PDB file of N, CA and C in Angstrom:
ATOM      1  N   MET A   1      42.327  56.738  93.002  1.00  0.00           N
ATOM      2  CA  MET A   1      41.195  56.356  93.825  1.00  0.00           C
ATOM      3  C   MET A   1      41.632  55.175  94.698  1.00  0.00           C
ATOM      4  N   GLU A   2      41.268  55.232  95.953  1.00  0.00           N
ATOM      5  CA  GLU A   2      41.560  54.131  96.875  1.00  0.00           C
ATOM      6  C   GLU A   2      40.565  52.992  96.668  1.00  0.00           C
ATOM      7  N   ALA A   3      40.986  51.796  97.056  1.00  0.00           N
ATOM      8  CA  ALA A   3      40.121  50.614  96.903  1.00  0.00           C
ATOM      9  C   ALA A   3      38.791  50.805  97.620  1.00  0.00           C
ATOM     10  N   ARG A   4      38.792  51.474  98.749  1.00  0.00           N
ATOM     11  CA  ARG A   4      37.536  51.665  99.508  1.00  0.00           C
ATOM     12  C   ARG A   4      36.575  52.628  98.821  1.00  0.00           C
ATOM     13  N   ASP A   5      37.073  53.360  97.830  1.00  0.00           N
ATOM     14  CA  ASP A   5      36.219  54.307  97.112  1.00  0.00           C
ATOM     15  C   ASP A   5      35.341  53.627  96.060  1.00  0.00           C
ATOM     16  N   TYR A   6      35.755  52.483  95.556  1.00  0.00           N
ATOM     17  CA  TYR A   6      35.005  51.823  94.480  1.00  0.00           C
ATOM     18  C   TYR A   6      33.576  51.441  94.891  1.00  0.00           C
ATOM     19  N   PRO A   7      33.359  50.832  96.059  1.00  0.00           N
ATOM     20  CA  PRO A   7      31.971  50.541  96.451  1.00  0.00           C
ATOM     21  C   PRO A   7      31.137  51.814  96.627  1.00  0.00           C
ATOM     22  N   ILE A   8      31.742  52.862  97.141  1.00  0.00           N
ATOM     23  CA  ILE A   8      31.012  54.124  97.312  1.00  0.00           C
ATOM     24  C   ILE A   8      30.582  54.649  95.946  1.00  0.00           C
ATOM     25  N   ARG A   9      31.491  54.626  95.003  1.00  0.00           N
ATOM     26  CA  ARG A   9      31.182  55.082  93.649  1.00  0.00           C
ATOM     27  C   ARG A   9      30.074  54.230  93.024  1.00  0.00           C
ATOM     28  N   HIS A  10      30.138  52.918  93.258  1.00  0.00           N
ATOM     29  CA  HIS A  10      29.110  52.023  92.724  1.00  0.00           C
ATOM     30  C   HIS A  10      27.728  52.384  93.263  1.00  0.00           C
ATOM     31  N   PHE A  11      27.630  52.560  94.572  1.00  0.00           N
ATOM     32  CA  PHE A  11      26.312  52.832  95.156  1.00  0.00           C
ATOM     33  C   PHE A  11      25.801  54.228  94.794  1.00  0.00           C
ATOM     34  N   GLU A  12      26.678  55.169  94.551  1.00  0.00           N
ATOM     35  CA  GLU A  12      26.246  56.465  94.027  1.00  0.00           C
ATOM     36  C   GLU A  12      25.645  56.277  92.631  1.00  0.00           C
ATOM     37  N   TYR A  13      26.315  55.461  91.816  1.00  0.00           N
ATOM     38  CA  TYR A  13      25.820  55.145  90.476  1.00  0.00           C
ATOM     39  C   TYR A  13      24.453  54.468  90.557  1.00  0.00           C
ATOM     40  N   MET A  14      24.322  53.486  91.443  1.00  0.00           N
ATOM     41  CA  MET A  14      23.063  52.747  91.554  1.00  0.00           C
ATOM     42  C   MET A  14      21.929  53.639  92.053  1.00  0.00           C
ATOM     43  N   ALA A  15      22.221  54.584  92.932  1.00  0.00           N
ATOM     44  CA  ALA A  15      21.187  55.513  93.400  1.00  0.00           C
ATOM     45  C   ALA A  15      20.654  56.334  92.224  1.00  0.00           C
ATOM     46  N   LYS A  16      21.548  56.815  91.364  1.00  0.00           N
ATOM     47  CA  LYS A  16      21.124  57.567  90.180  1.00  0.00           C
ATOM     48  C   LYS A  16      20.343  56.666  89.220  1.00  0.00           C
ATOM     49  N   PHE A  17      20.838  55.452  89.034  1.00  0.00           N
ATOM     50  CA  PHE A  17      20.183  54.488  88.139  1.00  0.00           C
ATOM     51  C   PHE A  17      18.773  54.174  88.632  1.00  0.00           C
ATOM     52  N   ALA A  18      18.611  53.917  89.922  1.00  0.00           N
ATOM     53  CA  ALA A  18      17.293  53.606  90.492  1.00  0.00           C
ATOM     54  C   ALA A  18      16.340  54.782  90.334  1.00  0.00           C
ATOM     55  N   ALA A  19      16.838  56.008  90.517  1.00  0.00           N
ATOM     56  CA  ALA A  19      15.993  57.191  90.347  1.00  0.00           C
ATOM     57  C   ALA A  19      15.551  57.333  88.889  1.00  0.00           C
ATOM     58  N   GLU A  20      16.448  57.044  87.960  1.00  0.00           N
ATOM     59  CA  GLU A  20      16.105  57.108  86.544  1.00  0.00           C
ATOM     60  C   GLU A  20      15.118  56.007  86.163  1.00  0.00           C
ATOM     61  N   LEU A  21      15.255  54.842  86.769  1.00  0.00           N
ATOM     62  CA  LEU A  21      14.304  53.752  86.513  1.00  0.00           C
ATOM     63  C   LEU A  21      12.902  54.130  86.958  1.00  0.00           C
ATOM     64  N   LYS A  22      12.806  54.844  88.067  1.00  0.00           N
ATOM     65  CA  LYS A  22      11.498  55.264  88.591  1.00  0.00           C
ATOM     66  C   LYS A  22      10.725  56.081  87.558  1.00  0.00           C
ATOM     67  N   GLU A  23      11.430  56.841  86.751  1.00  0.00           N
ATOM     68  CA  GLU A  23      10.793  57.705  85.754  1.00  0.00           C
ATOM     69  C   GLU A  23      10.207  56.937  84.580  1.00  0.00           C
ATOM     70  N   ILE A  24      10.596  55.673  84.384  1.00  0.00           N
ATOM     71  CA  ILE A  24      10.169  54.921  83.188  1.00  0.00           C
ATOM     72  C   ILE A  24       8.677  54.572  83.223  1.00  0.00           C
ATOM     73  N   PRO A  25       8.035  53.973  84.170  1.00  0.00           N
ATOM     74  CA  PRO A  25       8.438  53.563  85.506  1.00  0.00           C
ATOM     75  C   PRO A  25       8.910  52.109  85.548  1.00  0.00           C
ATOM     76  N   ALA A  26       9.929  51.899  86.339  1.00  0.00           N
ATOM     77  CA  ALA A  26      10.453  50.558  86.600  1.00  0.00           C
ATOM     78  C   ALA A  26      10.873  50.504  88.068  1.00  0.00           C
ATOM     79  N   GLN A  27      10.998  49.303  88.586  1.00  0.00           N
ATOM     80  CA  GLN A  27      11.319  49.135  90.003  1.00  0.00           C
ATOM     81  C   GLN A  27      12.442  48.131  90.166  1.00  0.00           C
ATOM     82  N   VAL A  28      13.389  48.459  91.044  1.00  0.00           N
ATOM     83  CA  VAL A  28      14.466  47.541  91.392  1.00  0.00           C
ATOM     84  C   VAL A  28      13.915  46.514  92.370  1.00  0.00           C
ATOM     85  N   LEU A  29      14.098  45.233  92.059  1.00  0.00           N
ATOM     86  CA  LEU A  29      13.633  44.156  92.929  1.00  0.00           C
ATOM     87  C   LEU A  29      14.767  43.491  93.690  1.00  0.00           C
ATOM     88  N   GLU A  30      15.955  43.477  93.094  1.00  0.00           N
ATOM     89  CA  GLU A  30      17.084  42.745  93.674  1.00  0.00           C
ATOM     90  C   GLU A  30      18.373  43.373  93.144  1.00  0.00           C
ATOM     91  N   HIS A  31      19.429  43.320  93.965  1.00  0.00           N
ATOM     92  CA  HIS A  31      20.705  43.894  93.562  1.00  0.00           C
ATOM     93  C   HIS A  31      21.837  43.149  94.261  1.00  0.00           C
ATOM     94  N   GLU A  32      22.946  42.973  93.545  1.00  0.00           N
ATOM     95  CA  GLU A  32      24.141  42.402  94.155  1.00  0.00           C
ATOM     96  C   GLU A  32      25.364  43.083  93.562  1.00  0.00           C
ATOM     97  N   TYR A  33      26.326  43.437  94.420  1.00  0.00           N
ATOM     98  CA  TYR A  33      27.578  44.045  94.014  1.00  0.00           C
ATOM     99  C   TYR A  33      28.715  43.190  94.547  1.00  0.00           C
ATOM    100  N   ARG A  34      29.709  42.924  93.721  1.00  0.00           N
ATOM    101  CA  ARG A  34      30.842  42.077  94.118  1.00  0.00           C
ATOM    102  C   ARG A  34      32.153  42.819  93.887  1.00  0.00           C
ATOM    103  N   TYR A  35      32.684  43.409  94.923  1.00  0.00           N
ATOM    104  CA  TYR A  35      33.968  44.083  94.822  1.00  0.00           C
ATOM    105  C   TYR A  35      35.045  43.101  94.381  1.00  0.00           C
ATOM    106  N   ASP A  36      35.003  41.887  94.958  1.00  0.00           N
ATOM    107  CA  ASP A  36      36.044  40.890  94.689  1.00  0.00           C
ATOM    108  C   ASP A  36      35.936  40.262  93.297  1.00  0.00           C
ATOM    109  N   ALA A  37      34.926  40.630  92.530  1.00  0.00           N
ATOM    110  CA  ALA A  37      34.778  40.153  91.148  1.00  0.00           C
ATOM    111  C   ALA A  37      34.895  41.346  90.195  1.00  0.00           C
ATOM    112  N   PHE A  38      35.931  42.147  90.410  1.00  0.00           N
ATOM    113  CA  PHE A  38      36.229  43.295  89.549  1.00  0.00           C
ATOM    114  C   PHE A  38      35.108  44.332  89.543  1.00  0.00           C
ATOM    115  N   GLY A  39      34.354  44.398  90.636  1.00  0.00           N
ATOM    116  CA  GLY A  39      33.260  45.366  90.710  1.00  0.00           C
ATOM    117  C   GLY A  39      32.031  44.966  89.924  1.00  0.00           C
ATOM    118  N   SER A  40      31.903  43.672  89.629  1.00  0.00           N
ATOM    119  CA  SER A  40      30.732  43.200  88.887  1.00  0.00           C
ATOM    120  C   SER A  40      29.476  43.362  89.729  1.00  0.00           C
ATOM    121  N   TRP A  41      28.355  43.515  89.064  1.00  0.00           N
ATOM    122  CA  TRP A  41      27.080  43.645  89.770  1.00  0.00           C
ATOM    123  C   TRP A  41      25.932  43.231  88.844  1.00  0.00           C
ATOM    124  N   TYR A  42      24.791  43.012  89.487  1.00  0.00           N
ATOM    125  CA  TYR A  42      23.564  42.821  88.707  1.00  0.00           C
ATOM    126  C   TYR A  42      22.414  43.451  89.474  1.00  0.00           C
ATOM    127  N   VAL A  43      21.367  43.759  88.747  1.00  0.00           N
ATOM    128  CA  VAL A  43      20.144  44.289  89.341  1.00  0.00           C
ATOM    129  C   VAL A  43      18.969  43.678  88.580  1.00  0.00           C
ATOM    130  N   VAL A  44      17.961  43.231  89.321  1.00  0.00           N
ATOM    131  CA  VAL A  44      16.730  42.710  88.721  1.00  0.00           C
ATOM    132  C   VAL A  44      15.706  43.838  88.767  1.00  0.00           C
ATOM    133  N   VAL A  45      15.083  44.098  87.618  1.00  0.00           N
ATOM    134  CA  VAL A  45      14.170  45.218  87.448  1.00  0.00           C
ATOM    135  C   VAL A  45      12.852  44.715  86.878  1.00  0.00           C
ATOM    136  N   ARG A  46      11.759  45.292  87.356  1.00  0.00           N
ATOM    137  CA  ARG A  46      10.442  45.031  86.740  1.00  0.00           C
ATOM    138  C   ARG A  46      10.025  46.304  86.021  1.00  0.00           C
ATOM    139  N   CYS A  47       9.743  46.170  84.725  1.00  0.00           N
ATOM    140  CA  CYS A  47       9.299  47.305  83.915  1.00  0.00           C
ATOM    141  C   CYS A  47       8.116  46.840  83.069  1.00  0.00           C
ATOM    142  N   LYS A  48       6.971  47.444  83.275  1.00  0.00           N
ATOM    143  CA  LYS A  48       5.750  47.092  82.532  1.00  0.00           C
ATOM    144  C   LYS A  48       5.437  45.603  82.649  1.00  0.00           C
ATOM    145  N   GLY A  49       5.691  45.042  83.826  1.00  0.00           N
ATOM    146  CA  GLY A  49       5.406  43.639  84.079  1.00  0.00           C
ATOM    147  C   GLY A  49       6.478  42.685  83.597  1.00  0.00           C
ATOM    148  N   VAL A  50       7.505  43.197  82.932  1.00  0.00           N
ATOM    149  CA  VAL A  50       8.591  42.370  82.402  1.00  0.00           C
ATOM    150  C   VAL A  50       9.749  42.381  83.397  1.00  0.00           C
ATOM    151  N   LEU A  51      10.261  41.204  83.709  1.00  0.00           N
ATOM    152  CA  LEU A  51      11.407  41.102  84.608  1.00  0.00           C
ATOM    153  C   LEU A  51      12.690  41.018  83.802  1.00  0.00           C
ATOM    154  N   LEU A  52      13.625  41.891  84.137  1.00  0.00           N
ATOM    155  CA  LEU A  52      14.898  41.963  83.437  1.00  0.00           C
ATOM    156  C   LEU A  52      16.037  41.916  84.446  1.00  0.00           C
ATOM    157  N   ARG A  53      17.122  41.271  84.050  1.00  0.00           N
ATOM    158  CA  ARG A  53      18.330  41.281  84.873  1.00  0.00           C
ATOM    159  C   ARG A  53      19.385  42.056  84.088  1.00  0.00           C
ATOM    160  N   VAL A  54      19.825  43.168  84.675  1.00  0.00           N
ATOM    161  CA  VAL A  54      20.891  43.984  84.109  1.00  0.00           C
ATOM    162  C   VAL A  54      22.176  43.553  84.793  1.00  0.00           C
ATOM    163  N   VAL A  55      23.161  43.138  84.004  1.00  0.00           N
ATOM    164  CA  VAL A  55      24.420  42.609  84.540  1.00  0.00           C
ATOM    165  C   VAL A  55      25.570  43.468  84.048  1.00  0.00           C
ATOM    166  N   PHE A  56      26.482  43.809  84.960  1.00  0.00           N
ATOM    167  CA  PHE A  56      27.731  44.461  84.573  1.00  0.00           C
ATOM    168  C   PHE A  56      28.868  43.527  84.928  1.00  0.00           C
ATOM    169  N   ASP A  57      29.619  43.101  83.921  1.00  0.00           N
ATOM    170  CA  ASP A  57      30.798  42.256  84.102  1.00  0.00           C
ATOM    171  C   ASP A  57      31.995  43.189  84.228  1.00  0.00           C
ATOM    172  N   GLY A  58      32.486  43.367  85.448  1.00  0.00           N
ATOM    173  CA  GLY A  58      33.569  44.304  85.703  1.00  0.00           C
ATOM    174  C   GLY A  58      34.871  43.923  85.042  1.00  0.00           C
ATOM    175  N   LYS A  59      35.138  42.647  84.924  1.00  0.00           N
ATOM    176  CA  LYS A  59      36.385  42.204  84.301  1.00  0.00           C
ATOM    177  C   LYS A  59      36.399  42.530  82.807  1.00  0.00           C
ATOM    178  N   GLU A  60      35.297  42.259  82.143  1.00  0.00           N
ATOM    179  CA  GLU A  60      35.195  42.494  80.700  1.00  0.00           C
ATOM    180  C   GLU A  60      34.731  43.908  80.359  1.00  0.00           C
ATOM    181  N   GLY A  61      34.214  44.634  81.365  1.00  0.00           N
ATOM    182  CA  GLY A  61      33.682  45.967  81.104  1.00  0.00           C
ATOM    183  C   GLY A  61      32.487  45.919  80.180  1.00  0.00           C
ATOM    184  N   GLU A  62      31.565  45.007  80.437  1.00  0.00           N
ATOM    185  CA  GLU A  62      30.465  44.738  79.518  1.00  0.00           C
ATOM    186  C   GLU A  62      29.132  44.682  80.268  1.00  0.00           C
ATOM    187  N   PHE A  63      28.117  45.315  79.692  1.00  0.00           N
ATOM    188  CA  PHE A  63      26.746  45.232  80.201  1.00  0.00           C
ATOM    189  C   PHE A  63      25.972  44.232  79.374  1.00  0.00           C
ATOM    190  N   LEU A  64      25.035  43.541  80.015  1.00  0.00           N
ATOM    191  CA  LEU A  64      24.067  42.756  79.265  1.00  0.00           C
ATOM    192  C   LEU A  64      22.741  42.756  80.011  1.00  0.00           C
ATOM    193  N   ILE A  65      21.690  42.566  79.264  1.00  0.00           N
ATOM    194  CA  ILE A  65      20.345  42.500  79.836  1.00  0.00           C
ATOM    195  C   ILE A  65      19.735  41.182  79.412  1.00  0.00           C
ATOM    196  N   GLU A  66      19.186  40.469  80.405  1.00  0.00           N
ATOM    197  CA  GLU A  66      18.494  39.205  80.158  1.00  0.00           C
ATOM    198  C   GLU A  66      17.043  39.365  80.600  1.00  0.00           C
ATOM    199  N   ARG A  67      16.172  38.677  79.924  1.00  0.00           N
ATOM    200  CA  ARG A  67      14.737  38.723  80.237  1.00  0.00           C
ATOM    201  C   ARG A  67      14.326  37.410  80.872  1.00  0.00           C
ATOM    202  N   SER A  68      13.451  37.478  81.862  1.00  0.00           N
ATOM    203  CA  SER A  68      12.975  36.273  82.525  1.00  0.00           C
ATOM    204  C   SER A  68      11.739  35.734  81.814  1.00  0.00           C
ATOM    205  N   THR A  69      11.689  34.423  81.675  1.00  0.00           N
ATOM    206  CA  THR A  69      10.509  33.793  81.097  1.00  0.00           C
ATOM    207  C   THR A  69       9.465  33.507  82.170  1.00  0.00           C
ATOM    208  N   SER A  70       9.836  33.714  83.448  1.00  0.00           N
ATOM    209  CA  SER A  70       8.888  33.541  84.551  1.00  0.00           C
ATOM    210  C   SER A  70       8.693  34.876  85.257  1.00  0.00           C
ATOM    211  N   ARG A  71       7.506  35.076  85.806  1.00  0.00           N
ATOM    212  CA  ARG A  71       7.208  36.331  86.504  1.00  0.00           C
ATOM    213  C   ARG A  71       7.441  36.229  88.006  1.00  0.00           C
ATOM    214  N   GLU A  72       7.714  35.031  88.472  1.00  0.00           N
ATOM    215  CA  GLU A  72       7.938  34.816  89.900  1.00  0.00           C
ATOM    216  C   GLU A  72       9.220  34.034  90.096  1.00  0.00           C
ATOM    217  N   MET A  73       9.747  34.103  91.315  1.00  0.00           N
ATOM    218  CA  MET A  73      10.956  33.344  91.638  1.00  0.00           C
ATOM    219  C   MET A  73      10.627  31.869  91.669  1.00  0.00           C
ATOM    220  N   PRO A  74      11.493  30.992  91.252  1.00  0.00           N
ATOM    221  CA  PRO A  74      12.816  31.320  90.720  1.00  0.00           C
ATOM    222  C   PRO A  74      12.699  31.810  89.284  1.00  0.00           C
ATOM    223  N   TYR A  75      13.399  32.888  89.010  1.00  0.00           N
ATOM    224  CA  TYR A  75      13.387  33.453  87.668  1.00  0.00           C
ATOM    225  C   TYR A  75      14.135  32.529  86.709  1.00  0.00           C
ATOM    226  N   ARG A  76      13.701  32.508  85.461  1.00  0.00           N
ATOM    227  CA  ARG A  76      14.380  31.732  84.415  1.00  0.00           C
ATOM    228  C   ARG A  76      14.835  32.722  83.358  1.00  0.00           C
ATOM    229  N   TRP A  77      16.132  32.961  83.332  1.00  0.00           N
ATOM    230  CA  TRP A  77      16.685  33.978  82.451  1.00  0.00           C
ATOM    231  C   TRP A  77      16.929  33.427  81.057  1.00  0.00           C
ATOM    232  N   GLU A  78      16.403  34.145  80.048  1.00  0.00           N
ATOM    233  CA  GLU A  78      16.624  33.804  78.645  1.00  0.00           C
ATOM    234  C   GLU A  78      18.024  34.224  78.240  1.00  0.00           C
ATOM    235  N   ASN A  79      18.356  33.874  77.028  1.00  0.00           N
ATOM    236  CA  ASN A  79      19.588  34.402  76.457  1.00  0.00           C
ATOM    237  C   ASN A  79      19.522  35.917  76.482  1.00  0.00           C
ATOM    238  N   GLU A  80      20.663  36.515  76.377  1.00  0.00           N
ATOM    239  CA  GLU A  80      20.722  37.964  76.475  1.00  0.00           C
ATOM    240  C   GLU A  80      19.824  38.640  75.445  1.00  0.00           C
ATOM    241  N   SER A  81      19.219  39.740  75.875  1.00  0.00           N
ATOM    242  CA  SER A  81      18.376  40.538  74.997  1.00  0.00           C
ATOM    243  C   SER A  81      19.123  41.757  74.486  1.00  0.00           C
ATOM    244  N   TRP A  82      20.231  42.105  75.165  1.00  0.00           N
ATOM    245  CA  TRP A  82      20.979  43.311  74.818  1.00  0.00           C
ATOM    246  C   TRP A  82      22.383  43.202  75.395  1.00  0.00           C
ATOM    247  N   ARG A  83      23.366  43.714  74.677  1.00  0.00           N
ATOM    248  CA  ARG A  83      24.761  43.687  75.151  1.00  0.00           C
ATOM    249  C   ARG A  83      25.439  44.986  74.731  1.00  0.00           C
ATOM    250  N   HIS A  84      26.266  45.505  75.624  1.00  0.00           N
ATOM    251  CA  HIS A  84      27.021  46.724  75.355  1.00  0.00           C
ATOM    252  C   HIS A  84      28.426  46.557  75.913  1.00  0.00           C
ATOM    253  N   SER A  85      29.414  46.574  75.051  1.00  0.00           N
ATOM    254  CA  SER A  85      30.800  46.405  75.480  1.00  0.00           C
ATOM    255  C   SER A  85      31.399  47.714  75.956  1.00  0.00           C
ATOM    256  N   ARG A  86      32.476  47.565  76.697  1.00  0.00           N
ATOM    257  CA  ARG A  86      33.212  48.703  77.245  1.00  0.00           C
ATOM    258  C   ARG A  86      32.333  49.586  78.096  1.00  0.00           C
ATOM    259  N   GLY A  87      31.545  48.987  78.946  1.00  0.00           N
ATOM    260  CA  GLY A  87      30.683  49.736  79.837  1.00  0.00           C
ATOM    261  C   GLY A  87      31.467  50.397  80.950  1.00  0.00           C
ATOM    262  N   SER A  88      30.869  51.390  81.529  1.00  0.00           N
ATOM    263  CA  SER A  88      31.444  52.084  82.675  1.00  0.00           C
ATOM    264  C   SER A  88      30.297  52.629  83.498  1.00  0.00           C
ATOM    265  N   ASP A  89      30.631  53.462  84.439  1.00  0.00           N
ATOM    266  CA  ASP A  89      29.568  54.048  85.254  1.00  0.00           C
ATOM    267  C   ASP A  89      29.253  55.470  84.792  1.00  0.00           C
ATOM    268  N   SER A  90      29.347  55.690  83.500  1.00  0.00           N
ATOM    269  CA  SER A  90      29.099  57.019  82.951  1.00  0.00           C
ATOM    270  C   SER A  90      27.600  57.262  82.767  1.00  0.00           C
ATOM    271  N   GLU A  91      27.251  58.540  82.642  1.00  0.00           N
ATOM    272  CA  GLU A  91      25.860  58.902  82.378  1.00  0.00           C
ATOM    273  C   GLU A  91      25.398  58.337  81.033  1.00  0.00           C
ATOM    274  N   ALA A  92      26.297  58.320  80.057  1.00  0.00           N
ATOM    275  CA  ALA A  92      25.938  57.790  78.734  1.00  0.00           C
ATOM    276  C   ALA A  92      25.579  56.306  78.820  1.00  0.00           C
ATOM    277  N   ASP A  93      26.341  55.538  79.605  1.00  0.00           N
ATOM    278  CA  ASP A  93      26.022  54.118  79.757  1.00  0.00           C
ATOM    279  C   ASP A  93      24.707  53.924  80.492  1.00  0.00           C
ATOM    280  N   ARG A  94      24.430  54.759  81.490  1.00  0.00           N
ATOM    281  CA  ARG A  94      23.136  54.666  82.189  1.00  0.00           C
ATOM    282  C   ARG A  94      22.007  54.975  81.220  1.00  0.00           C
ATOM    283  N   ALA A  95      22.188  55.976  80.376  1.00  0.00           N
ATOM    284  CA  ALA A  95      21.161  56.335  79.388  1.00  0.00           C
ATOM    285  C   ALA A  95      20.934  55.185  78.416  1.00  0.00           C
ATOM    286  N   ASN A  96      22.005  54.519  77.991  1.00  0.00           N
ATOM    287  CA  ASN A  96      21.875  53.353  77.107  1.00  0.00           C
ATOM    288  C   ASN A  96      21.118  52.229  77.800  1.00  0.00           C
ATOM    289  N   LEU A  97      21.414  51.994  79.064  1.00  0.00           N
ATOM    290  CA  LEU A  97      20.707  50.944  79.817  1.00  0.00           C
ATOM    291  C   LEU A  97      19.220  51.253  79.925  1.00  0.00           C
ATOM    292  N   ILE A  98      18.895  52.478  80.276  1.00  0.00           N
ATOM    293  CA  ILE A  98      17.485  52.872  80.412  1.00  0.00           C
ATOM    294  C   ILE A  98      16.760  52.691  79.078  1.00  0.00           C
ATOM    295  N   ALA A  99      17.367  53.149  77.991  1.00  0.00           N
ATOM    296  CA  ALA A  99      16.747  53.015  76.661  1.00  0.00           C
ATOM    297  C   ALA A  99      16.545  51.544  76.305  1.00  0.00           C
ATOM    298  N   ALA A 100      17.519  50.702  76.617  1.00  0.00           N
ATOM    299  CA  ALA A 100      17.397  49.263  76.324  1.00  0.00           C
ATOM    300  C   ALA A 100      16.290  48.636  77.154  1.00  0.00           C
ATOM    301  N   ILE A 101      16.186  49.002  78.423  1.00  0.00           N
ATOM    302  CA  ILE A 101      15.127  48.476  79.287  1.00  0.00           C
ATOM    303  C   ILE A 101      13.757  48.855  78.746  1.00  0.00           C
ATOM    304  N   VAL A 102      13.591  50.105  78.361  1.00  0.00           N
ATOM    305  CA  VAL A 102      12.315  50.562  77.786  1.00  0.00           C
ATOM    306  C   VAL A 102      12.006  49.793  76.515  1.00  0.00           C
ATOM    307  N   SER A 103      12.986  49.633  75.651  1.00  0.00           N
ATOM    308  CA  SER A 103      12.783  48.939  74.382  1.00  0.00           C
ATOM    309  C   SER A 103      12.405  47.480  74.577  1.00  0.00           C
ATOM    310  N   ILE A 104      13.137  46.783  75.429  1.00  0.00           N
ATOM    311  CA  ILE A 104      12.853  45.369  75.671  1.00  0.00           C
ATOM    312  C   ILE A 104      11.482  45.193  76.312  1.00  0.00           C
ATOM    313  N   SER A 105      11.136  46.070  77.243  1.00  0.00           N
ATOM    314  CA  SER A 105       9.832  45.982  77.938  1.00  0.00           C
ATOM    315  C   SER A 105       8.670  46.264  76.994  1.00  0.00           C
ATOM    316  N   ALA A 106       8.908  47.072  76.001  1.00  0.00           N
ATOM    317  CA  ALA A 106       7.857  47.439  75.043  1.00  0.00           C
ATOM    318  C   ALA A 106       7.543  46.312  74.071  1.00  0.00           C
ATOM    319  N   THR A 107       8.446  45.362  73.935  1.00  0.00           N
ATOM    320  CA  THR A 107       8.237  44.279  72.975  1.00  0.00           C
ATOM    321  C   THR A 107       7.521  43.088  73.605  1.00  0.00           C
ATOM    322  N   SER A 108       6.879  43.317  74.727  1.00  0.00           N
ATOM    323  CA  SER A 108       6.155  42.229  75.404  1.00  0.00           C
ATOM    324  C   SER A 108       4.831  41.967  74.764  1.00  0.00           C
TER     325      SER A 108
END
């Protein structure tokens, strides 16, 4: 894969992820992708009134989810609510993320 393919692959992944979030229902509020940081990214999601930040650390290959203690900006992120090592852009990892988002949002 060429270096220019990685951002394309990321945004294809995010399009699928956003569509799957809609089914929960959840909404993407913010997103950032950093090619120069090993493909790391984060997305802020609102699910059932709960604000969550889903982070992918490209260097470590690790996902984590943090919950905000505030409902408005500036968000105040708590310690992690969920962590998954050896993450990738696979369907299985997306399914794990969706399940974690639903679970964390349900404990409000």
